[in-house]
Amino acid sequence: MRLDKYLKVTRLVKRRTLAQELCNGGHVSKNGRTAKPSSRVEVGDVLDIRFGPRTLAVEVVALASSADKKTAGLLYRRLSEKDLAEAE
């Protein structure tokens, strides 16, 4: 599954175009490397997503072509969340 679609399906990002912009801007990394929107996501991958001062790290647990609100959170496991404002 494409990275931008995975971010949209899991509801980590609200819109797929926003997911593409985040990837193209270098704000998303997969397994420690900057990822493009077309990067393939596999179960076990670790994604780091930077939303301004906040960084969210998640592990891919499952893949699905679509998910509702209740099941979207089951597709990933939150590893950590850091806020740069709190670190200062």
PDB file of N, CA and C in Angstrom:
ATOM      1  N   MET A   1       0.847  -1.171   0.000  1.00  0.00           N
ATOM      2  CA  MET A   1       0.000   0.000   0.000  1.00  0.00           C
ATOM      3  C   MET A   1       0.898   1.241   0.000  1.00  0.00           C
ATOM      4  N   ARG A   2       0.475   2.261  -0.706  1.00  0.00           N
ATOM      5  CA  ARG A   2       1.212   3.521  -0.755  1.00  0.00           C
ATOM      6  C   ARG A   2       1.180   4.220   0.606  1.00  0.00           C
ATOM      7  N   LEU A   3       2.258   4.899   0.921  1.00  0.00           N
ATOM      8  CA  LEU A   3       2.364   5.603   2.195  1.00  0.00           C
ATOM      9  C   LEU A   3       1.293   6.669   2.357  1.00  0.00           C
ATOM     10  N   ASP A   4       1.062   7.483   1.327  1.00  0.00           N
ATOM     11  CA  ASP A   4       0.067   8.546   1.451  1.00  0.00           C
ATOM     12  C   ASP A   4      -1.333   7.986   1.691  1.00  0.00           C
ATOM     13  N   LYS A   5      -1.654   6.876   1.042  1.00  0.00           N
ATOM     14  CA  LYS A   5      -2.961   6.255   1.253  1.00  0.00           C
ATOM     15  C   LYS A   5      -3.061   5.671   2.657  1.00  0.00           C
ATOM     16  N   TYR A   6      -1.987   5.049   3.136  1.00  0.00           N
ATOM     17  CA  TYR A   6      -1.994   4.479   4.484  1.00  0.00           C
ATOM     18  C   TYR A   6      -2.243   5.564   5.534  1.00  0.00           C
ATOM     19  N   LEU A   7      -1.571   6.709   5.381  1.00  0.00           N
ATOM     20  CA  LEU A   7      -1.771   7.803   6.333  1.00  0.00           C
ATOM     21  C   LEU A   7      -3.210   8.290   6.329  1.00  0.00           C
ATOM     22  N   LYS A   8      -3.838   8.308   5.174  1.00  0.00           N
ATOM     23  CA  LYS A   8      -5.236   8.728   5.065  1.00  0.00           C
ATOM     24  C   LYS A   8      -6.175   7.676   5.661  1.00  0.00           C
ATOM     25  N   VAL A   9      -5.988   6.412   5.314  1.00  0.00           N
ATOM     26  CA  VAL A   9      -6.868   5.339   5.780  1.00  0.00           C
ATOM     27  C   VAL A   9      -6.816   5.218   7.304  1.00  0.00           C
ATOM     28  N   THR A  10      -5.633   5.371   7.889  1.00  0.00           N
ATOM     29  CA  THR A  10      -5.501   5.253   9.340  1.00  0.00           C
ATOM     30  C   THR A  10      -5.953   6.508  10.073  1.00  0.00           C
ATOM     31  N   ARG A  11      -6.258   7.543   9.324  1.00  0.00           N
ATOM     32  CA  ARG A  11      -6.698   8.832   9.873  1.00  0.00           C
ATOM     33  C   ARG A  11      -5.618   9.524  10.684  1.00  0.00           C
ATOM     34  N   LEU A  12      -4.359   9.193  10.409  1.00  0.00           N
ATOM     35  CA  LEU A  12      -3.257   9.935  11.004  1.00  0.00           C
ATOM     36  C   LEU A  12      -3.167  11.310  10.356  1.00  0.00           C
ATOM     37  N   VAL A  13      -3.572  11.377   9.090  1.00  0.00           N
ATOM     38  CA  VAL A  13      -3.643  12.632   8.339  1.00  0.00           C
ATOM     39  C   VAL A  13      -5.037  12.722   7.749  1.00  0.00           C
ATOM     40  N   LYS A  14      -5.606  13.922   7.772  1.00  0.00           N
ATOM     41  CA  LYS A  14      -7.011  14.090   7.394  1.00  0.00           C
ATOM     42  C   LYS A  14      -7.287  13.850   5.904  1.00  0.00           C
ATOM     43  N   ARG A  15      -6.382  14.339   5.044  1.00  0.00           N
ATOM     44  CA  ARG A  15      -6.600  14.206   3.599  1.00  0.00           C
ATOM     45  C   ARG A  15      -5.364  13.616   2.931  1.00  0.00           C
ATOM     46  N   ARG A  16      -5.585  12.912   1.842  1.00  0.00           N
ATOM     47  CA  ARG A  16      -4.470  12.276   1.133  1.00  0.00           C
ATOM     48  C   ARG A  16      -3.547  13.322   0.518  1.00  0.00           C
ATOM     49  N   THR A  17      -4.098  14.435   0.049  1.00  0.00           N
ATOM     50  CA  THR A  17      -3.239  15.483  -0.514  1.00  0.00           C
ATOM     51  C   THR A  17      -2.334  16.080   0.562  1.00  0.00           C
ATOM     52  N   LEU A  18      -2.830  16.186   1.777  1.00  0.00           N
ATOM     53  CA  LEU A  18      -2.001  16.665   2.880  1.00  0.00           C
ATOM     54  C   LEU A  18      -0.908  15.644   3.192  1.00  0.00           C
ATOM     55  N   ALA A  19      -1.231  14.368   3.134  1.00  0.00           N
ATOM     56  CA  ALA A  19      -0.237  13.315   3.337  1.00  0.00           C
ATOM     57  C   ALA A  19       0.862  13.414   2.276  1.00  0.00           C
ATOM     58  N   GLN A  20       0.480  13.680   1.041  1.00  0.00           N
ATOM     59  CA  GLN A  20       1.466  13.827  -0.036  1.00  0.00           C
ATOM     60  C   GLN A  20       2.355  15.038   0.213  1.00  0.00           C
ATOM     61  N   GLU A  21       1.767  16.148   0.666  1.00  0.00           N
ATOM     62  CA  GLU A  21       2.546  17.354   0.951  1.00  0.00           C
ATOM     63  C   GLU A  21       3.531  17.115   2.092  1.00  0.00           C
ATOM     64  N   LEU A  22       3.095  16.402   3.130  1.00  0.00           N
ATOM     65  CA  LEU A  22       3.986  16.090   4.244  1.00  0.00           C
ATOM     66  C   LEU A  22       5.163  15.239   3.766  1.00  0.00           C
ATOM     67  N   CYS A  23       4.892  14.233   2.947  1.00  0.00           N
ATOM     68  CA  CYS A  23       5.950  13.365   2.429  1.00  0.00           C
ATOM     69  C   CYS A  23       6.904  14.143   1.530  1.00  0.00           C
ATOM     70  N   ASN A  24       6.369  14.924   0.618  1.00  0.00           N
ATOM     71  CA  ASN A  24       7.203  15.698  -0.306  1.00  0.00           C
ATOM     72  C   ASN A  24       8.024  16.752   0.420  1.00  0.00           C
ATOM     73  N   GLY A  25       7.537  17.230   1.564  1.00  0.00           N
ATOM     74  CA  GLY A  25       8.253  18.220   2.348  1.00  0.00           C
ATOM     75  C   GLY A  25       9.278  17.622   3.292  1.00  0.00           C
ATOM     76  N   GLY A  26       9.420  16.305   3.285  1.00  0.00           N
ATOM     77  CA  GLY A  26      10.413  15.651   4.123  1.00  0.00           C
ATOM     78  C   GLY A  26       9.987  15.484   5.571  1.00  0.00           C
ATOM     79  N   HIS A  27       8.677  15.541   5.841  1.00  0.00           N
ATOM     80  CA  HIS A  27       8.173  15.446   7.208  1.00  0.00           C
ATOM     81  C   HIS A  27       7.803  14.024   7.624  1.00  0.00           C
ATOM     82  N   VAL A  28       7.929  13.071   6.712  1.00  0.00           N
ATOM     83  CA  VAL A  28       7.587  11.682   7.025  1.00  0.00           C
ATOM     84  C   VAL A  28       8.790  10.810   6.717  1.00  0.00           C
ATOM     85  N   SER A  29       9.141   9.962   7.686  1.00  0.00           N
ATOM     86  CA  SER A  29      10.220   9.007   7.437  1.00  0.00           C
ATOM     87  C   SER A  29       9.726   7.602   7.735  1.00  0.00           C
ATOM     88  N   LYS A  30      10.260   6.661   6.977  1.00  0.00           N
ATOM     89  CA  LYS A  30       9.898   5.243   7.125  1.00  0.00           C
ATOM     90  C   LYS A  30      11.164   4.486   7.471  1.00  0.00           C
ATOM     91  N   ASN A  31      11.174   3.847   8.623  1.00  0.00           N
ATOM     92  CA  ASN A  31      12.330   3.085   9.090  1.00  0.00           C
ATOM     93  C   ASN A  31      13.609   3.932   9.093  1.00  0.00           C
ATOM     94  N   GLY A  32      13.465   5.208   9.507  1.00  0.00           N
ATOM     95  CA  GLY A  32      14.622   6.086   9.639  1.00  0.00           C
ATOM     96  C   GLY A  32      15.044   6.820   8.386  1.00  0.00           C
ATOM     97  N   ARG A  33      14.364   6.607   7.278  1.00  0.00           N
ATOM     98  CA  ARG A  33      14.706   7.277   6.017  1.00  0.00           C
ATOM     99  C   ARG A  33      13.538   8.107   5.527  1.00  0.00           C
ATOM    100  N   THR A  34      13.827   9.269   4.965  1.00  0.00           N
ATOM    101  CA  THR A  34      12.779  10.120   4.418  1.00  0.00           C
ATOM    102  C   THR A  34      12.019   9.350   3.347  1.00  0.00           C
ATOM    103  N   ALA A  35      10.683   9.441   3.396  1.00  0.00           N
ATOM    104  CA  ALA A  35       9.854   8.628   2.499  1.00  0.00           C
ATOM    105  C   ALA A  35       9.060   9.491   1.537  1.00  0.00           C
ATOM    106  N   LYS A  36       8.893   8.989   0.331  1.00  0.00           N
ATOM    107  CA  LYS A  36       8.060   9.636  -0.679  1.00  0.00           C
ATOM    108  C   LYS A  36       6.619   9.141  -0.529  1.00  0.00           C
ATOM    109  N   PRO A  37       5.646   9.881  -1.079  1.00  0.00           N
ATOM    110  CA  PRO A  37       4.248   9.451  -0.967  1.00  0.00           C
ATOM    111  C   PRO A  37       4.000   8.075  -1.580  1.00  0.00           C
ATOM    112  N   SER A  38       4.772   7.713  -2.592  1.00  0.00           N
ATOM    113  CA  SER A  38       4.564   6.438  -3.283  1.00  0.00           C
ATOM    114  C   SER A  38       5.303   5.273  -2.627  1.00  0.00           C
ATOM    115  N   SER A  39       6.014   5.527  -1.528  1.00  0.00           N
ATOM    116  CA  SER A  39       6.735   4.453  -0.832  1.00  0.00           C
ATOM    117  C   SER A  39       5.765   3.370  -0.398  1.00  0.00           C
ATOM    118  N   ARG A  40       6.194   2.126  -0.514  1.00  0.00           N
ATOM    119  CA  ARG A  40       5.355   0.996  -0.106  1.00  0.00           C
ATOM    120  C   ARG A  40       5.449   0.792   1.401  1.00  0.00           C
ATOM    121  N   VAL A  41       4.300   0.637   2.029  1.00  0.00           N
ATOM    122  CA  VAL A  41       4.230   0.402   3.473  1.00  0.00           C
ATOM    123  C   VAL A  41       3.946  -1.075   3.697  1.00  0.00           C
ATOM    124  N   GLU A  42       4.705  -1.689   4.598  1.00  0.00           N
ATOM    125  CA  GLU A  42       4.535  -3.099   4.947  1.00  0.00           C
ATOM    126  C   GLU A  42       4.312  -3.203   6.450  1.00  0.00           C
ATOM    127  N   VAL A  43       3.715  -4.282   6.878  1.00  0.00           N
ATOM    128  CA  VAL A  43       3.524  -4.535   8.306  1.00  0.00           C
ATOM    129  C   VAL A  43       4.901  -4.600   8.973  1.00  0.00           C
ATOM    130  N   GLY A  44       5.054  -3.897  10.087  1.00  0.00           N
ATOM    131  CA  GLY A  44       6.320  -3.859  10.807  1.00  0.00           C
ATOM    132  C   GLY A  44       7.120  -2.594  10.563  1.00  0.00           C
ATOM    133  N   ASP A  45       6.780  -1.820   9.547  1.00  0.00           N
ATOM    134  CA  ASP A  45       7.475  -0.560   9.286  1.00  0.00           C
ATOM    135  C   ASP A  45       7.205   0.429  10.416  1.00  0.00           C
ATOM    136  N   VAL A  46       8.196   1.267  10.697  1.00  0.00           N
ATOM    137  CA  VAL A  46       8.043   2.329  11.694  1.00  0.00           C
ATOM    138  C   VAL A  46       8.018   3.660  10.954  1.00  0.00           C
ATOM    139  N   LEU A  47       6.969   4.439  11.184  1.00  0.00           N
ATOM    140  CA  LEU A  47       6.789   5.730  10.536  1.00  0.00           C
ATOM    141  C   LEU A  47       6.949   6.848  11.555  1.00  0.00           C
ATOM    142  N   ASP A  48       7.715   7.875  11.204  1.00  0.00           N
ATOM    143  CA  ASP A  48       7.840   9.080  12.017  1.00  0.00           C
ATOM    144  C   ASP A  48       7.211  10.214  11.227  1.00  0.00           C
ATOM    145  N   ILE A  49       6.218  10.864  11.813  1.00  0.00           N
ATOM    146  CA  ILE A  49       5.491  11.937  11.138  1.00  0.00           C
ATOM    147  C   ILE A  49       5.651  13.210  11.952  1.00  0.00           C
ATOM    148  N   ARG A  50       6.150  14.271  11.312  1.00  0.00           N
ATOM    149  CA  ARG A  50       6.347  15.551  11.983  1.00  0.00           C
ATOM    150  C   ARG A  50       5.241  16.522  11.593  1.00  0.00           C
ATOM    151  N   PHE A  51       4.469  16.933  12.587  1.00  0.00           N
ATOM    152  CA  PHE A  51       3.413  17.937  12.413  1.00  0.00           C
ATOM    153  C   PHE A  51       3.889  19.206  13.113  1.00  0.00           C
ATOM    154  N   GLY A  52       4.621  20.057  12.417  1.00  0.00           N
ATOM    155  CA  GLY A  52       5.151  21.258  13.058  1.00  0.00           C
ATOM    156  C   GLY A  52       6.077  20.879  14.205  1.00  0.00           C
ATOM    157  N   PRO A  53       5.772  21.327  15.432  1.00  0.00           N
ATOM    158  CA  PRO A  53       6.654  21.017  16.560  1.00  0.00           C
ATOM    159  C   PRO A  53       6.438  19.621  17.156  1.00  0.00           C
ATOM    160  N   ARG A  54       5.446  18.900  16.672  1.00  0.00           N
ATOM    161  CA  ARG A  54       5.096  17.591  17.235  1.00  0.00           C
ATOM    162  C   ARG A  54       5.561  16.469  16.308  1.00  0.00           C
ATOM    163  N   THR A  55       6.134  15.420  16.884  1.00  0.00           N
ATOM    164  CA  THR A  55       6.547  14.243  16.119  1.00  0.00           C
ATOM    165  C   THR A  55       5.836  13.020  16.669  1.00  0.00           C
ATOM    166  N   LEU A  56       5.253  12.238  15.771  1.00  0.00           N
ATOM    167  CA  LEU A  56       4.521  11.039  16.142  1.00  0.00           C
ATOM    168  C   LEU A  56       5.203   9.838  15.504  1.00  0.00           C
ATOM    169  N   ALA A  57       5.505   8.821  16.306  1.00  0.00           N
ATOM    170  CA  ALA A  57       6.113   7.590  15.808  1.00  0.00           C
ATOM    171  C   ALA A  57       5.101   6.457  15.954  1.00  0.00           C
ATOM    172  N   VAL A  58       4.850   5.739  14.853  1.00  0.00           N
ATOM    173  CA  VAL A  58       3.900   4.631  14.875  1.00  0.00           C
ATOM    174  C   VAL A  58       4.504   3.427  14.159  1.00  0.00           C
ATOM    175  N   GLU A  59       4.037   2.244  14.561  1.00  0.00           N
ATOM    176  CA  GLU A  59       4.427   1.010  13.890  1.00  0.00           C
ATOM    177  C   GLU A  59       3.228   0.485  13.124  1.00  0.00           C
ATOM    178  N   VAL A  60       3.437   0.090  11.886  1.00  0.00           N
ATOM    179  CA  VAL A  60       2.364  -0.450  11.054  1.00  0.00           C
ATOM    180  C   VAL A  60       2.043  -1.853  11.551  1.00  0.00           C
ATOM    181  N   VAL A  61       0.776  -2.067  11.964  1.00  0.00           N
ATOM    182  CA  VAL A  61       0.343  -3.354  12.495  1.00  0.00           C
ATOM    183  C   VAL A  61      -0.445  -4.137  11.455  1.00  0.00           C
ATOM    184  N   ALA A  62      -1.230  -3.425  10.635  1.00  0.00           N
ATOM    185  CA  ALA A  62      -2.048  -4.078   9.619  1.00  0.00           C
ATOM    186  C   ALA A  62      -2.278  -3.110   8.473  1.00  0.00           C
ATOM    187  N   LEU A  63      -2.677  -3.656   7.337  1.00  0.00           N
ATOM    188  CA  LEU A  63      -2.994  -2.855   6.159  1.00  0.00           C
ATOM    189  C   LEU A  63      -4.448  -3.088   5.777  1.00  0.00           C
ATOM    190  N   ALA A  64      -5.120  -2.040   5.315  1.00  0.00           N
ATOM    191  CA  ALA A  64      -6.502  -2.161   4.856  1.00  0.00           C
ATOM    192  C   ALA A  64      -6.749  -1.076   3.819  1.00  0.00           C
ATOM    193  N   SER A  65      -7.562  -1.386   2.818  1.00  0.00           N
ATOM    194  CA  SER A  65      -7.842  -0.400   1.770  1.00  0.00           C
ATOM    195  C   SER A  65      -8.796   0.680   2.259  1.00  0.00           C
ATOM    196  N   SER A  66      -9.563   0.378   3.302  1.00  0.00           N
ATOM    197  CA  SER A  66     -10.431   1.388   3.910  1.00  0.00           C
ATOM    198  C   SER A  66     -10.688   0.993   5.359  1.00  0.00           C
ATOM    199  N   ALA A  67     -11.062   1.989   6.168  1.00  0.00           N
ATOM    200  CA  ALA A  67     -11.343   1.725   7.579  1.00  0.00           C
ATOM    201  C   ALA A  67     -12.262   2.813   8.104  1.00  0.00           C
ATOM    202  N   ASP A  68     -13.147   2.450   9.026  1.00  0.00           N
ATOM    203  CA  ASP A  68     -13.992   3.461   9.649  1.00  0.00           C
ATOM    204  C   ASP A  68     -13.290   3.979  10.907  1.00  0.00           C
ATOM    205  N   LYS A  69     -13.925   4.905  11.607  1.00  0.00           N
ATOM    206  CA  LYS A  69     -13.304   5.510  12.784  1.00  0.00           C
ATOM    207  C   LYS A  69     -12.883   4.484  13.831  1.00  0.00           C
ATOM    208  N   LYS A  70     -13.709   3.478  14.028  1.00  0.00           N
ATOM    209  CA  LYS A  70     -13.445   2.491  15.075  1.00  0.00           C
ATOM    210  C   LYS A  70     -12.266   1.580  14.741  1.00  0.00           C
ATOM    211  N   THR A  71     -12.107   1.224  13.486  1.00  0.00           N
ATOM    212  CA  THR A  71     -11.059   0.271  13.113  1.00  0.00           C
ATOM    213  C   THR A  71      -9.765   0.941  12.631  1.00  0.00           C
ATOM    214  N   ALA A  72      -9.788   2.225  12.325  1.00  0.00           N
ATOM    215  CA  ALA A  72      -8.593   2.908  11.823  1.00  0.00           C
ATOM    216  C   ALA A  72      -7.454   2.852  12.831  1.00  0.00           C
ATOM    217  N   GLY A  73      -7.750   3.002  14.108  1.00  0.00           N
ATOM    218  CA  GLY A  73      -6.722   2.971  15.137  1.00  0.00           C
ATOM    219  C   GLY A  73      -6.100   1.606  15.354  1.00  0.00           C
ATOM    220  N   LEU A  74      -6.727   0.558  14.844  1.00  0.00           N
ATOM    221  CA  LEU A  74      -6.199  -0.793  14.997  1.00  0.00           C
ATOM    222  C   LEU A  74      -5.136  -1.127  13.951  1.00  0.00           C
ATOM    223  N   LEU A  75      -4.963  -0.250  12.972  1.00  0.00           N
ATOM    224  CA  LEU A  75      -4.010  -0.496  11.892  1.00  0.00           C
ATOM    225  C   LEU A  75      -2.582  -0.088  12.259  1.00  0.00           C
ATOM    226  N   TYR A  76      -2.422   0.623  13.381  1.00  0.00           N
ATOM    227  CA  TYR A  76      -1.095   1.050  13.803  1.00  0.00           C
ATOM    228  C   TYR A  76      -0.997   1.014  15.321  1.00  0.00           C
ATOM    229  N   ARG A  77       0.263   1.018  15.801  1.00  0.00           N
ATOM    230  CA  ARG A  77       0.532   1.065  17.238  1.00  0.00           C
ATOM    231  C   ARG A  77       1.383   2.292  17.495  1.00  0.00           C
ATOM    232  N   ARG A  78       0.907   3.168  18.358  1.00  0.00           N
ATOM    233  CA  ARG A  78       1.628   4.395  18.679  1.00  0.00           C
ATOM    234  C   ARG A  78       2.850   4.049  19.527  1.00  0.00           C
ATOM    235  N   LEU A  79       4.023   4.449  19.051  1.00  0.00           N
ATOM    236  CA  LEU A  79       5.259   4.182  19.775  1.00  0.00           C
ATOM    237  C   LEU A  79       5.636   5.342  20.681  1.00  0.00           C
ATOM    238  N   SER A  80       5.565   6.560  20.152  1.00  0.00           N
ATOM    239  CA  SER A  80       5.877   7.731  20.958  1.00  0.00           C
ATOM    240  C   SER A  80       5.314   8.982  20.287  1.00  0.00           C
ATOM    241  N   GLU A  81       5.223  10.022  21.111  1.00  0.00           N
ATOM    242  CA  GLU A  81       4.795  11.326  20.617  1.00  0.00           C
ATOM    243  C   GLU A  81       5.603  12.363  21.371  1.00  0.00           C
ATOM    244  N   LYS A  82       6.293  13.206  20.632  1.00  0.00           N
ATOM    245  CA  LYS A  82       7.143  14.223  21.238  1.00  0.00           C
ATOM    246  C   LYS A  82       6.670  15.595  20.799  1.00  0.00           C
ATOM    247  N   ASP A  83       6.717  16.527  21.716  1.00  0.00           N
ATOM    248  CA  ASP A  83       6.354  17.908  21.428  1.00  0.00           C
ATOM    249  C   ASP A  83       7.595  18.751  21.706  1.00  0.00           C
ATOM    250  N   LEU A  84       8.128  19.417  20.693  1.00  0.00           N
ATOM    251  CA  LEU A  84       9.339  20.205  20.863  1.00  0.00           C
ATOM    252  C   LEU A  84       9.129  21.349  21.833  1.00  0.00           C
ATOM    253  N   ALA A  85       7.925  21.888  21.947  1.00  0.00           N
ATOM    254  CA  ALA A  85       7.657  22.983  22.874  1.00  0.00           C
ATOM    255  C   ALA A  85       7.843  22.523  24.315  1.00  0.00           C
ATOM    256  N   GLU A  86       7.495  21.268  24.617  1.00  0.00           N
ATOM    257  CA  GLU A  86       7.667  20.734  25.960  1.00  0.00           C
ATOM    258  C   GLU A  86       9.131  20.475  26.287  1.00  0.00           C
ATOM    259  N   ALA A  87       9.925  20.186  25.273  1.00  0.00           N
ATOM    260  CA  ALA A  87      11.332  19.850  25.472  1.00  0.00           C
ATOM    261  C   ALA A  87      12.161  21.077  25.862  1.00  0.00           C
ATOM    262  N   GLU A  88      11.690  22.262  25.517  1.00  0.00           N
ATOM    263  CA  GLU A  88      12.469  23.480  25.800  1.00  0.00           C
ATOM    264  C   GLU A  88      12.337  23.930  27.217  1.00  0.00           C
TER     265      GLU A  88
END
